[in-house]
PDB file of N, CA and C in Angstrom:
ATOM      1  N   MET A   1       0.828  -1.165   0.000  1.00  0.00           N
ATOM      2  CA  MET A   1       0.000   0.000   0.000  1.00  0.00           C
ATOM      3  C   MET A   1       0.875   1.231   0.000  1.00  0.00           C
ATOM      4  N   SER A   2       0.246   2.302  -0.294  1.00  0.00           N
ATOM      5  CA  SER A   2       1.016   3.527  -0.426  1.00  0.00           C
ATOM      6  C   SER A   2       0.946   4.329   0.865  1.00  0.00           C
ATOM      7  N   ASP A   3       1.930   5.164   1.069  1.00  0.00           N
ATOM      8  CA  ASP A   3       1.967   6.013   2.256  1.00  0.00           C
ATOM      9  C   ASP A   3       1.245   7.339   2.038  1.00  0.00           C
ATOM     10  N   LEU A   4       0.602   7.532   0.918  1.00  0.00           N
ATOM     11  CA  LEU A   4      -0.101   8.785   0.626  1.00  0.00           C
ATOM     12  C   LEU A   4      -1.457   8.795   1.329  1.00  0.00           C
ATOM     13  N   PRO A   5      -1.892   9.984   1.796  1.00  0.00           N
ATOM     14  CA  PRO A   5      -3.202  10.057   2.443  1.00  0.00           C
ATOM     15  C   PRO A   5      -4.305   9.833   1.411  1.00  0.00           C
ATOM     16  N   PRO A   6      -5.446   9.379   1.876  1.00  0.00           N
ATOM     17  CA  PRO A   6      -6.534   9.157   0.921  1.00  0.00           C
ATOM     18  C   PRO A   6      -6.968  10.494   0.300  1.00  0.00           C
ATOM     19  N   THR A   7      -7.320  10.434  -0.967  1.00  0.00           N
ATOM     20  CA  THR A   7      -7.718  11.665  -1.676  1.00  0.00           C
ATOM     21  C   THR A   7      -9.206  11.911  -1.490  1.00  0.00           C
ATOM     22  N   ALA A   8      -9.535  13.167  -1.366  1.00  0.00           N
ATOM     23  CA  ALA A   8     -10.944  13.565  -1.234  1.00  0.00           C
ATOM     24  C   ALA A   8     -11.571  13.586  -2.617  1.00  0.00           C
ATOM     25  N   PRO A   9     -12.851  13.352  -2.675  1.00  0.00           N
ATOM     26  CA  PRO A   9     -13.494  13.409  -3.995  1.00  0.00           C
ATOM     27  C   PRO A   9     -13.408  14.836  -4.562  1.00  0.00           C
ATOM     28  N   ALA A  10     -13.341  14.905  -5.863  1.00  0.00           N
ATOM     29  CA  ALA A  10     -13.246  16.211  -6.526  1.00  0.00           C
ATOM     30  C   ALA A  10     -14.528  17.002  -6.277  1.00  0.00           C
ATOM     31  N   PRO A  11     -14.383  18.295  -5.977  1.00  0.00           N
ATOM     32  CA  PRO A  11     -15.587  19.096  -5.733  1.00  0.00           C
ATOM     33  C   PRO A  11     -16.403  19.235  -7.019  1.00  0.00           C
ATOM     34  N   SER A  12     -17.701  19.207  -6.865  1.00  0.00           N
ATOM     35  CA  SER A  12     -18.560  19.365  -8.046  1.00  0.00           C
ATOM     36  C   SER A  12     -18.612  20.841  -8.416  1.00  0.00           C
ATOM     37  N   PRO A  13     -18.713  21.112  -9.702  1.00  0.00           N
ATOM     38  CA  PRO A  13     -18.727  22.527 -10.113  1.00  0.00           C
ATOM     39  C   PRO A  13     -19.986  23.220  -9.597  1.00  0.00           C
ATOM     40  N   ALA A  14     -19.821  24.483  -9.231  1.00  0.00           N
ATOM     41  CA  ALA A  14     -20.953  25.260  -8.721  1.00  0.00           C
ATOM     42  C   ALA A  14     -21.704  25.869  -9.898  1.00  0.00           C
ATOM     43  N   TYR A  15     -22.981  25.641  -9.932  1.00  0.00           N
ATOM     44  CA  TYR A  15     -23.823  26.198 -10.988  1.00  0.00           C
ATOM     45  C   TYR A  15     -24.585  27.387 -10.423  1.00  0.00           C
ATOM     46  N   ALA A  16     -24.658  28.432 -11.216  1.00  0.00           N
ATOM     47  CA  ALA A  16     -25.424  29.605 -10.790  1.00  0.00           C
ATOM     48  C   ALA A  16     -26.908  29.278 -10.910  1.00  0.00           C
ATOM     49  N   SER A  17     -27.615  29.497  -9.841  1.00  0.00           N
ATOM     50  CA  SER A  17     -29.043  29.220  -9.902  1.00  0.00           C
ATOM     51  C   SER A  17     -29.762  30.405 -10.537  1.00  0.00           C
ATOM     52  N   ALA A  18     -30.825  30.106 -11.219  1.00  0.00           N
ATOM     53  CA  ALA A  18     -31.617  31.155 -11.845  1.00  0.00           C
ATOM     54  C   ALA A  18     -32.291  31.984 -10.754  1.00  0.00           C
ATOM     55  N   PRO A  19     -32.319  33.292 -10.940  1.00  0.00           N
ATOM     56  CA  PRO A  19     -32.962  34.112  -9.922  1.00  0.00           C
ATOM     57  C   PRO A  19     -34.454  33.806  -9.851  1.00  0.00           C
ATOM     58  N   GLY A  20     -34.998  33.905  -8.672  1.00  0.00           N
ATOM     59  CA  GLY A  20     -36.418  33.627  -8.487  1.00  0.00           C
ATOM     60  C   GLY A  20     -37.268  34.714  -9.116  1.00  0.00           C
ATOM     61  N   PRO A  21     -38.533  34.446  -9.291  1.00  0.00           N
ATOM     62  CA  PRO A  21     -39.405  35.461  -9.898  1.00  0.00           C
ATOM     63  C   PRO A  21     -39.545  36.666  -8.976  1.00  0.00           C
ATOM     64  N   VAL A  22     -39.585  37.831  -9.587  1.00  0.00           N
ATOM     65  CA  VAL A  22     -39.735  39.064  -8.828  1.00  0.00           C
ATOM     66  C   VAL A  22     -41.225  39.322  -8.651  1.00  0.00           C
ATOM     67  N   PRO A  23     -41.701  39.391  -7.417  1.00  0.00           N
ATOM     68  CA  PRO A  23     -43.125  39.633  -7.202  1.00  0.00           C
ATOM     69  C   PRO A  23     -43.560  40.966  -7.807  1.00  0.00           C
ATOM     70  N   GLY A  24     -44.608  40.934  -8.578  1.00  0.00           N
ATOM     71  CA  GLY A  24     -45.152  42.147  -9.176  1.00  0.00           C
ATOM     72  C   GLY A  24     -44.531  42.540 -10.493  1.00  0.00           C
ATOM     73  N   ARG A  25     -43.497  41.830 -10.938  1.00  0.00           N
ATOM     74  CA  ARG A  25     -42.814  42.223 -12.187  1.00  0.00           C
ATOM     75  C   ARG A  25     -43.753  42.093 -13.390  1.00  0.00           C
ATOM     76  N   THR A  26     -44.438  40.963 -13.520  1.00  0.00           N
ATOM     77  CA  THR A  26     -45.342  40.756 -14.648  1.00  0.00           C
ATOM     78  C   THR A  26     -46.481  41.771 -14.610  1.00  0.00           C
ATOM     79  N   LEU A  27     -47.023  42.000 -13.434  1.00  0.00           N
ATOM     80  CA  LEU A  27     -48.100  42.979 -13.283  1.00  0.00           C
ATOM     81  C   LEU A  27     -47.601  44.378 -13.632  1.00  0.00           C
ATOM     82  N   GLY A  28     -46.365  44.676 -13.313  1.00  0.00           N
ATOM     83  CA  GLY A  28     -45.773  45.964 -13.668  1.00  0.00           C
ATOM     84  C   GLY A  28     -45.640  46.140 -15.169  1.00  0.00           C
ATOM     85  N   ILE A  29     -45.278  45.068 -15.862  1.00  0.00           N
ATOM     86  CA  ILE A  29     -45.168  45.127 -17.323  1.00  0.00           C
ATOM     87  C   ILE A  29     -46.552  45.311 -17.940  1.00  0.00           C
ATOM     88  N   VAL A  30     -47.556  44.627 -17.393  1.00  0.00           N
ATOM     89  CA  VAL A  30     -48.928  44.799 -17.882  1.00  0.00           C
ATOM     90  C   VAL A  30     -49.376  46.247 -17.656  1.00  0.00           C
ATOM     91  N   ALA A  31     -49.033  46.829 -16.521  1.00  0.00           N
ATOM     92  CA  ALA A  31     -49.373  48.226 -16.239  1.00  0.00           C
ATOM     93  C   ALA A  31     -48.700  49.156 -17.237  1.00  0.00           C
ATOM     94  N   LEU A  32     -47.453  48.880 -17.551  1.00  0.00           N
ATOM     95  CA  LEU A  32     -46.718  49.718 -18.502  1.00  0.00           C
ATOM     96  C   LEU A  32     -47.364  49.678 -19.880  1.00  0.00           C
ATOM     97  N   VAL A  33     -47.714  48.497 -20.350  1.00  0.00           N
ATOM     98  CA  VAL A  33     -48.324  48.370 -21.681  1.00  0.00           C
ATOM     99  C   VAL A  33     -49.716  49.003 -21.702  1.00  0.00           C
ATOM    100  N   SER A  34     -50.485  48.769 -20.642  1.00  0.00           N
ATOM    101  CA  SER A  34     -51.855  49.301 -20.635  1.00  0.00           C
ATOM    102  C   SER A  34     -51.890  50.815 -20.452  1.00  0.00           C
ATOM    103  N   ALA A  35     -50.783  51.435 -20.046  1.00  0.00           N
ATOM    104  CA  ALA A  35     -50.750  52.889 -19.901  1.00  0.00           C
ATOM    105  C   ALA A  35     -51.001  53.597 -21.226  1.00  0.00           C
ATOM    106  N   PHE A  36     -50.711  52.939 -22.330  1.00  0.00           N
ATOM    107  CA  PHE A  36     -50.920  53.538 -23.641  1.00  0.00           C
ATOM    108  C   PHE A  36     -52.376  53.454 -24.088  1.00  0.00           C
ATOM    109  N   PHE A  37     -53.166  52.566 -23.472  1.00  0.00           N
ATOM    110  CA  PHE A  37     -54.532  52.328 -23.940  1.00  0.00           C
ATOM    111  C   PHE A  37     -55.589  52.608 -22.873  1.00  0.00           C
ATOM    112  N   ILE A  38     -55.377  52.108 -21.663  1.00  0.00           N
ATOM    113  CA  ILE A  38     -56.372  52.220 -20.589  1.00  0.00           C
ATOM    114  C   ILE A  38     -55.643  52.780 -19.363  1.00  0.00           C
ATOM    115  N   GLN A  39     -55.634  54.093 -19.243  1.00  0.00           N
ATOM    116  CA  GLN A  39     -54.800  54.750 -18.241  1.00  0.00           C
ATOM    117  C   GLN A  39     -55.212  54.422 -16.802  1.00  0.00           C
ATOM    118  N   LEU A  40     -56.494  54.418 -16.511  1.00  0.00           N
ATOM    119  CA  LEU A  40     -56.924  54.151 -15.138  1.00  0.00           C
ATOM    120  C   LEU A  40     -56.502  52.750 -14.695  1.00  0.00           C
ATOM    121  N   LEU A  41     -56.647  51.780 -15.582  1.00  0.00           N
ATOM    122  CA  LEU A  41     -56.218  50.415 -15.279  1.00  0.00           C
ATOM    123  C   LEU A  41     -54.710  50.365 -15.043  1.00  0.00           C
ATOM    124  N   ALA A  42     -53.955  51.098 -15.847  1.00  0.00           N
ATOM    125  CA  ALA A  42     -52.496  51.116 -15.695  1.00  0.00           C
ATOM    126  C   ALA A  42     -52.087  51.681 -14.347  1.00  0.00           C
ATOM    127  N   ILE A  43     -52.764  52.729 -13.909  1.00  0.00           N
ATOM    128  CA  ILE A  43     -52.431  53.340 -12.626  1.00  0.00           C
ATOM    129  C   ILE A  43     -52.713  52.363 -11.482  1.00  0.00           C
ATOM    130  N   ILE A  44     -53.876  51.717 -11.537  1.00  0.00           N
ATOM    131  CA  ILE A  44     -54.248  50.772 -10.474  1.00  0.00           C
ATOM    132  C   ILE A  44     -53.290  49.581 -10.449  1.00  0.00           C
ATOM    133  N   LEU A  45     -53.057  48.966 -11.614  1.00  0.00           N
ATOM    134  CA  LEU A  45     -52.156  47.804 -11.676  1.00  0.00           C
ATOM    135  C   LEU A  45     -50.732  48.187 -11.280  1.00  0.00           C
ATOM    136  N   GLY A  46     -50.305  49.382 -11.663  1.00  0.00           N
ATOM    137  CA  GLY A  46     -48.962  49.838 -11.318  1.00  0.00           C
ATOM    138  C   GLY A  46     -48.771  49.951  -9.817  1.00  0.00           C
ATOM    139  N   PHE A  47     -49.772  50.515  -9.127  1.00  0.00           N
ATOM    140  CA  PHE A  47     -49.661  50.631  -7.678  1.00  0.00           C
ATOM    141  C   PHE A  47     -49.692  49.262  -6.999  1.00  0.00           C
ATOM    142  N   VAL A  48     -50.507  48.348  -7.499  1.00  0.00           N
ATOM    143  CA  VAL A  48     -50.555  47.000  -6.924  1.00  0.00           C
ATOM    144  C   VAL A  48     -49.206  46.301  -7.123  1.00  0.00           C
ATOM    145  N   ALA A  49     -48.661  46.377  -8.338  1.00  0.00           N
ATOM    146  CA  ALA A  49     -47.375  45.740  -8.625  1.00  0.00           C
ATOM    147  C   ALA A  49     -46.250  46.353  -7.801  1.00  0.00           C
ATOM    148  N   LEU A  50     -46.274  47.670  -7.669  1.00  0.00           N
ATOM    149  CA  LEU A  50     -45.243  48.348  -6.887  1.00  0.00           C
ATOM    150  C   LEU A  50     -45.325  47.937  -5.420  1.00  0.00           C
ATOM    151  N   SER A  51     -46.524  47.779  -4.911  1.00  0.00           N
ATOM    152  CA  SER A  51     -46.714  47.346  -3.529  1.00  0.00           C
ATOM    153  C   SER A  51     -46.172  45.931  -3.317  1.00  0.00           C
ATOM    154  N   GLN A  52     -46.476  45.038  -4.249  1.00  0.00           N
ATOM    155  CA  GLN A  52     -45.981  43.657  -4.140  1.00  0.00           C
ATOM    156  C   GLN A  52     -44.459  43.621  -4.167  1.00  0.00           C
ATOM    157  N   SER A  53     -43.863  44.399  -5.039  1.00  0.00           N
ATOM    158  CA  SER A  53     -42.403  44.410  -5.160  1.00  0.00           C
ATOM    159  C   SER A  53     -41.743  45.007  -3.930  1.00  0.00           C
ATOM    160  N   ARG A  54     -42.327  46.058  -3.385  1.00  0.00           N
ATOM    161  CA  ARG A  54     -41.739  46.685  -2.199  1.00  0.00           C
ATOM    162  C   ARG A  54     -41.788  45.753  -0.995  1.00  0.00           C
ATOM    163  N   LYS A  55     -42.868  44.963  -0.887  1.00  0.00           N
ATOM    164  CA  LYS A  55     -42.954  43.990   0.210  1.00  0.00           C
ATOM    165  C   LYS A  55     -41.845  42.959   0.102  1.00  0.00           C
ATOM    166  N   ALA A  56     -41.461  42.618  -1.142  1.00  0.00           N
ATOM    167  CA  ALA A  56     -40.390  41.649  -1.359  1.00  0.00           C
ATOM    168  C   ALA A  56     -39.013  42.305  -1.312  1.00  0.00           C
ATOM    169  N   GLY A  57     -38.983  43.645  -1.270  1.00  0.00           N
ATOM    170  CA  GLY A  57     -37.711  44.358  -1.173  1.00  0.00           C
ATOM    171  C   GLY A  57     -36.974  44.497  -2.484  1.00  0.00           C
ATOM    172  N   VAL A  58     -37.697  44.504  -3.596  1.00  0.00           N
ATOM    173  CA  VAL A  58     -37.058  44.657  -4.907  1.00  0.00           C
ATOM    174  C   VAL A  58     -37.667  45.856  -5.623  1.00  0.00           C
ATOM    175  N   LYS A  59     -36.909  46.387  -6.591  1.00  0.00           N
ATOM    176  CA  LYS A  59     -37.391  47.509  -7.389  1.00  0.00           C
ATOM    177  C   LYS A  59     -38.256  46.976  -8.525  1.00  0.00           C
ATOM    178  N   ASN A  60     -39.216  47.778  -8.945  1.00  0.00           N
ATOM    179  CA  ASN A  60     -40.079  47.402 -10.058  1.00  0.00           C
ATOM    180  C   ASN A  60     -40.233  48.626 -10.960  1.00  0.00           C
ATOM    181  N   THR A  61     -39.257  48.835 -11.817  1.00  0.00           N
ATOM    182  CA  THR A  61     -39.249  49.995 -12.700  1.00  0.00           C
ATOM    183  C   THR A  61     -40.423  50.001 -13.672  1.00  0.00           C
ATOM    184  N   PRO A  62     -40.790  48.863 -14.294  1.00  0.00           N
ATOM    185  CA  PRO A  62     -41.939  48.910 -15.206  1.00  0.00           C
ATOM    186  C   PRO A  62     -43.226  49.390 -14.529  1.00  0.00           C
ATOM    187  N   ALA A  63     -43.440  49.001 -13.283  1.00  0.00           N
ATOM    188  CA  ALA A  63     -44.644  49.447 -12.572  1.00  0.00           C
ATOM    189  C   ALA A  63     -44.606  50.951 -12.348  1.00  0.00           C
ATOM    190  N   LEU A  64     -43.460  51.479 -11.966  1.00  0.00           N
ATOM    191  CA  LEU A  64     -43.322  52.915 -11.726  1.00  0.00           C
ATOM    192  C   LEU A  64     -43.536  53.701 -13.018  1.00  0.00           C
ATOM    193  N   VAL A  65     -42.952  53.235 -14.114  1.00  0.00           N
ATOM    194  CA  VAL A  65     -43.126  53.909 -15.401  1.00  0.00           C
ATOM    195  C   VAL A  65     -44.586  53.804 -15.864  1.00  0.00           C
ATOM    196  N   GLY A  66     -45.227  52.662 -15.615  1.00  0.00           N
ATOM    197  CA  GLY A  66     -46.642  52.511 -15.963  1.00  0.00           C
ATOM    198  C   GLY A  66     -47.523  53.495 -15.217  1.00  0.00           C
ATOM    199  N   ILE A  67     -47.221  53.724 -13.934  1.00  0.00           N
ATOM    200  CA  ILE A  67     -47.983  54.697 -13.144  1.00  0.00           C
ATOM    201  C   ILE A  67     -47.791  56.106 -13.711  1.00  0.00           C
ATOM    202  N   ILE A  68     -46.550  56.467 -13.970  1.00  0.00           N
ATOM    203  CA  ILE A  68     -46.258  57.819 -14.473  1.00  0.00           C
ATOM    204  C   ILE A  68     -46.919  58.043 -15.827  1.00  0.00           C
ATOM    205  N   LEU A  69     -46.757  57.090 -16.752  1.00  0.00           N
ATOM    206  CA  LEU A  69     -47.369  57.237 -18.073  1.00  0.00           C
ATOM    207  C   LEU A  69     -48.888  57.219 -17.991  1.00  0.00           C
ATOM    208  N   GLY A  70     -49.440  56.438 -17.079  1.00  0.00           N
ATOM    209  CA  GLY A  70     -50.888  56.412 -16.905  1.00  0.00           C
ATOM    210  C   GLY A  70     -51.416  57.785 -16.519  1.00  0.00           C
ATOM    211  N   PHE A  71     -50.741  58.460 -15.591  1.00  0.00           N
ATOM    212  CA  PHE A  71     -51.155  59.807 -15.201  1.00  0.00           C
ATOM    213  C   PHE A  71     -50.968  60.803 -16.346  1.00  0.00           C
ATOM    214  N   VAL A  72     -49.822  60.742 -17.026  1.00  0.00           N
ATOM    215  CA  VAL A  72     -49.537  61.699 -18.108  1.00  0.00           C
ATOM    216  C   VAL A  72     -50.550  61.535 -19.238  1.00  0.00           C
ATOM    217  N   PHE A  73     -50.736  60.298 -19.715  1.00  0.00           N
ATOM    218  CA  PHE A  73     -51.677  60.085 -20.822  1.00  0.00           C
ATOM    219  C   PHE A  73     -53.115  60.355 -20.387  1.00  0.00           C
ATOM    220  N   GLY A  74     -53.432  60.090 -19.130  1.00  0.00           N
ATOM    221  CA  GLY A  74     -54.771  60.390 -18.623  1.00  0.00           C
ATOM    222  C   GLY A  74     -55.052  61.886 -18.662  1.00  0.00           C
ATOM    223  N   ILE A  75     -54.076  62.692 -18.255  1.00  0.00           N
ATOM    224  CA  ILE A  75     -54.234  64.147 -18.293  1.00  0.00           C
ATOM    225  C   ILE A  75     -54.361  64.636 -19.733  1.00  0.00           C
ATOM    226  N   VAL A  76     -53.573  64.059 -20.631  1.00  0.00           N
ATOM    227  CA  VAL A  76     -53.658  64.449 -22.039  1.00  0.00           C
ATOM    228  C   VAL A  76     -55.055  64.161 -22.586  1.00  0.00           C
ATOM    229  N   TRP A  77     -55.602  62.980 -22.286  1.00  0.00           N
ATOM    230  CA  TRP A  77     -56.947  62.644 -22.762  1.00  0.00           C
ATOM    231  C   TRP A  77     -57.998  63.566 -22.171  1.00  0.00           C
ATOM    232  N   ILE A  78     -57.856  63.925 -20.909  1.00  0.00           N
ATOM    233  CA  ILE A  78     -58.812  64.852 -20.288  1.00  0.00           C
ATOM    234  C   ILE A  78     -58.773  66.204 -20.995  1.00  0.00           C
ATOM    235  N   LEU A  79     -57.577  66.692 -21.324  1.00  0.00           N
ATOM    236  CA  LEU A  79     -57.457  67.970 -22.034  1.00  0.00           C
ATOM    237  C   LEU A  79     -58.056  67.897 -23.434  1.00  0.00           C
ATOM    238  N   ILE A  80     -57.843  66.780 -24.126  1.00  0.00           N
ATOM    239  CA  ILE A  80     -58.414  66.618 -25.467  1.00  0.00           C
ATOM    240  C   ILE A  80     -59.934  66.612 -25.405  1.00  0.00           C
ATOM    241  N   ILE A  81     -60.489  65.862 -24.478  1.00  0.00           N
ATOM    242  CA  ILE A  81     -61.951  65.785 -24.349  1.00  0.00           C
ATOM    243  C   ILE A  81     -62.526  67.143 -23.954  1.00  0.00           C
ATOM    244  N   ALA A  82     -61.864  67.855 -23.038  1.00  0.00           N
ATOM    245  CA  ALA A  82     -62.341  69.183 -22.646  1.00  0.00           C
ATOM    246  C   ALA A  82     -62.311  70.135 -23.840  1.00  0.00           C
ATOM    247  N   GLY A  83     -61.286  70.046 -24.665  1.00  0.00           N
ATOM    248  CA  GLY A  83     -61.207  70.889 -25.864  1.00  0.00           C
ATOM    249  C   GLY A  83     -62.306  70.579 -26.855  1.00  0.00           C
ATOM    250  N   LEU A  84     -62.597  69.291 -27.021  1.00  0.00           N
ATOM    251  CA  LEU A  84     -63.674  68.914 -27.942  1.00  0.00           C
ATOM    252  C   LEU A  84     -65.030  69.384 -27.432  1.00  0.00           C
ATOM    253  N   ILE A  85     -65.248  69.271 -26.139  1.00  0.00           N
ATOM    254  CA  ILE A  85     -66.516  69.730 -25.570  1.00  0.00           C
ATOM    255  C   ILE A  85     -66.649  71.248 -25.715  1.00  0.00           C
ATOM    256  N   ALA A  86     -65.555  71.977 -25.435  1.00  0.00           N
ATOM    257  CA  ALA A  86     -65.598  73.434 -25.565  1.00  0.00           C
ATOM    258  C   ALA A  86     -65.816  73.846 -27.014  1.00  0.00           C
ATOM    259  N   GLY A  87     -65.174  73.149 -27.941  1.00  0.00           N
ATOM    260  CA  GLY A  87     -65.358  73.453 -29.365  1.00  0.00           C
ATOM    261  C   GLY A  87     -66.773  73.161 -29.824  1.00  0.00           C
ATOM    262  N   GLY A  88     -67.342  72.073 -29.351  1.00  0.00           N
ATOM    263  CA  GLY A  88     -68.724  71.732 -29.702  1.00  0.00           C
ATOM    264  C   GLY A  88     -69.709  72.735 -29.132  1.00  0.00           C
ATOM    265  N   ALA A  89     -69.455  73.190 -27.906  1.00  0.00           N
ATOM    266  CA  ALA A  89     -70.338  74.186 -27.290  1.00  0.00           C
ATOM    267  C   ALA A  89     -70.261  75.506 -28.059  1.00  0.00           C
ATOM    268  N   ALA A  90     -69.067  75.878 -28.493  1.00  0.00           N
ATOM    269  CA  ALA A  90     -68.914  77.114 -29.268  1.00  0.00           C
ATOM    270  C   ALA A  90     -69.648  77.004 -30.599  1.00  0.00           C
ATOM    271  N   LEU A  91     -69.576  75.841 -31.223  1.00  0.00           N
ATOM    272  CA  LEU A  91     -70.264  75.645 -32.497  1.00  0.00           C
ATOM    273  C   LEU A  91     -71.772  75.696 -32.310  1.00  0.00           C
ATOM    274  N   LEU A  92     -72.267  75.096 -31.237  1.00  0.00           N
ATOM    275  CA  LEU A  92     -73.703  75.135 -30.966  1.00  0.00           C
ATOM    276  C   LEU A  92     -74.163  76.568 -30.698  1.00  0.00           C
ATOM    277  N   GLY A  93     -73.351  77.336 -30.003  1.00  0.00           N
ATOM    278  CA  GLY A  93     -73.682  78.737 -29.757  1.00  0.00           C
ATOM    279  C   GLY A  93     -73.706  79.539 -31.040  1.00  0.00           C
ATOM    280  N   GLN A  94     -72.767  79.260 -31.911  1.00  0.00           N
ATOM    281  CA  GLN A  94     -72.703  79.947 -33.211  1.00  0.00           C
ATOM    282  C   GLN A  94     -73.928  79.611 -34.039  1.00  0.00           C
ATOM    283  N   CYS A  95     -74.333  78.352 -34.054  1.00  0.00           N
ATOM    284  CA  CYS A  95     -75.507  77.937 -34.822  1.00  0.00           C
ATOM    285  C   CYS A  95     -76.792  78.520 -34.232  1.00  0.00           C
ATOM    286  N   ALA A  96     -76.832  78.669 -32.924  1.00  0.00           N
ATOM    287  CA  ALA A  96     -78.014  79.268 -32.301  1.00  0.00           C
ATOM    288  C   ALA A  96     -78.152  80.721 -32.736  1.00  0.00           C
ATOM    289  N   GLU A  97     -77.028  81.388 -32.905  1.00  0.00           N
ATOM    290  CA  GLU A  97     -77.032  82.779 -33.346  1.00  0.00           C
ATOM    291  C   GLU A  97     -77.420  82.908 -34.816  1.00  0.00           C
ATOM    292  N   LEU A  98     -76.872  82.022 -35.657  1.00  0.00           N
ATOM    293  CA  LEU A  98     -77.063  82.142 -37.099  1.00  0.00           C
ATOM    294  C   LEU A  98     -78.385  81.558 -37.589  1.00  0.00           C
ATOM    295  N   GLY A  99     -78.889  80.561 -36.921  1.00  0.00           N
ATOM    296  CA  GLY A  99     -80.089  79.879 -37.398  1.00  0.00           C
ATOM    297  C   GLY A  99     -79.700  78.722 -38.297  1.00  0.00           C
ATOM    298  N   SER A 100     -80.698  77.983 -38.772  1.00  0.00           N
ATOM    299  CA  SER A 100     -80.399  76.808 -39.591  1.00  0.00           C
ATOM    300  C   SER A 100     -79.988  77.210 -40.994  1.00  0.00           C
ATOM    301  N   GLY A 101     -79.222  76.327 -41.634  1.00  0.00           N
ATOM    302  CA  GLY A 101     -78.748  76.568 -42.990  1.00  0.00           C
ATOM    303  C   GLY A 101     -77.240  76.512 -43.048  1.00  0.00           C
ATOM    304  N   VAL A 102     -76.686  76.886 -44.197  1.00  0.00           N
ATOM    305  CA  VAL A 102     -75.247  76.889 -44.411  1.00  0.00           C
ATOM    306  C   VAL A 102     -74.776  78.335 -44.382  1.00  0.00           C
ATOM    307  N   HIS A 103     -73.775  78.627 -43.557  1.00  0.00           N
ATOM    308  CA  HIS A 103     -73.273  79.988 -43.385  1.00  0.00           C
ATOM    309  C   HIS A 103     -71.768  79.980 -43.552  1.00  0.00           C
ATOM    310  N   GLU A 104     -71.241  81.041 -44.179  1.00  0.00           N
ATOM    311  CA  GLU A 104     -69.793  81.173 -44.328  1.00  0.00           C
ATOM    312  C   GLU A 104     -69.359  82.437 -43.612  1.00  0.00           C
ATOM    313  N   ILE A 105     -68.463  82.254 -42.648  1.00  0.00           N
ATOM    314  CA  ILE A 105     -67.954  83.383 -41.873  1.00  0.00           C
ATOM    315  C   ILE A 105     -66.439  83.320 -41.885  1.00  0.00           C
ATOM    316  N   ASP A 106     -65.814  84.368 -42.381  1.00  0.00           N
ATOM    317  CA  ASP A 106     -64.346  84.471 -42.450  1.00  0.00           C
ATOM    318  C   ASP A 106     -63.730  83.256 -43.136  1.00  0.00           C
ATOM    319  N   GLY A 107     -64.349  82.771 -44.181  1.00  0.00           N
ATOM    320  CA  GLY A 107     -63.816  81.649 -44.933  1.00  0.00           C
ATOM    321  C   GLY A 107     -64.102  80.291 -44.325  1.00  0.00           C
ATOM    322  N   VAL A 108     -64.828  80.231 -43.213  1.00  0.00           N
ATOM    323  CA  VAL A 108     -65.189  78.975 -42.572  1.00  0.00           C
ATOM    324  C   VAL A 108     -66.659  78.725 -42.807  1.00  0.00           C
ATOM    325  N   THR A 109     -66.989  77.525 -43.291  1.00  0.00           N
ATOM    326  CA  THR A 109     -68.372  77.173 -43.578  1.00  0.00           C
ATOM    327  C   THR A 109     -68.984  76.440 -42.398  1.00  0.00           C
ATOM    328  N   TYR A 110     -70.114  76.920 -41.916  1.00  0.00           N
ATOM    329  CA  TYR A 110     -70.856  76.319 -40.828  1.00  0.00           C
ATOM    330  C   TYR A 110     -72.174  75.774 -41.397  1.00  0.00           C
ATOM    331  N   THR A 111     -72.457  74.518 -41.102  1.00  0.00           N
ATOM    332  CA  THR A 111     -73.736  73.947 -41.493  1.00  0.00           C
ATOM    333  C   THR A 111     -74.538  73.694 -40.231  1.00  0.00           C
ATOM    334  N   CYS A 112     -75.612  74.435 -40.076  1.00  0.00           N
ATOM    335  CA  CYS A 112     -76.440  74.329 -38.876  1.00  0.00           C
ATOM    336  C   CYS A 112     -77.789  73.749 -39.259  1.00  0.00           C
ATOM    337  N   SER A 113     -78.303  72.871 -38.431  1.00  0.00           N
ATOM    338  CA  SER A 113     -79.614  72.307 -38.741  1.00  0.00           C
ATOM    339  C   SER A 113     -80.575  72.552 -37.604  1.00  0.00           C
TER     340      SER A 113
END
């Protein structure tokens, strides 16, 4: 027999484990995408996703961006709708003054019925 000490088994290579799912990440992405179409839903989902992520102690940038864009696009839509309502009210007032028919004022044609 040999005088050498017994050899230890070779260490197995260490594999990096995949990071676990981030709570609220998927909901944050849904909030971000919906901010372009349904702003109120984006704001609500963004806050829920942000809350879930904060409880887990991780950042959730898509949720934060979804909240911000939801507010910005929501304000833009409110301004557009207010402008359309004001323009329609002005047109109705103009037609009430002019009466029914087709009228041209300063190169603009108004058709009132």
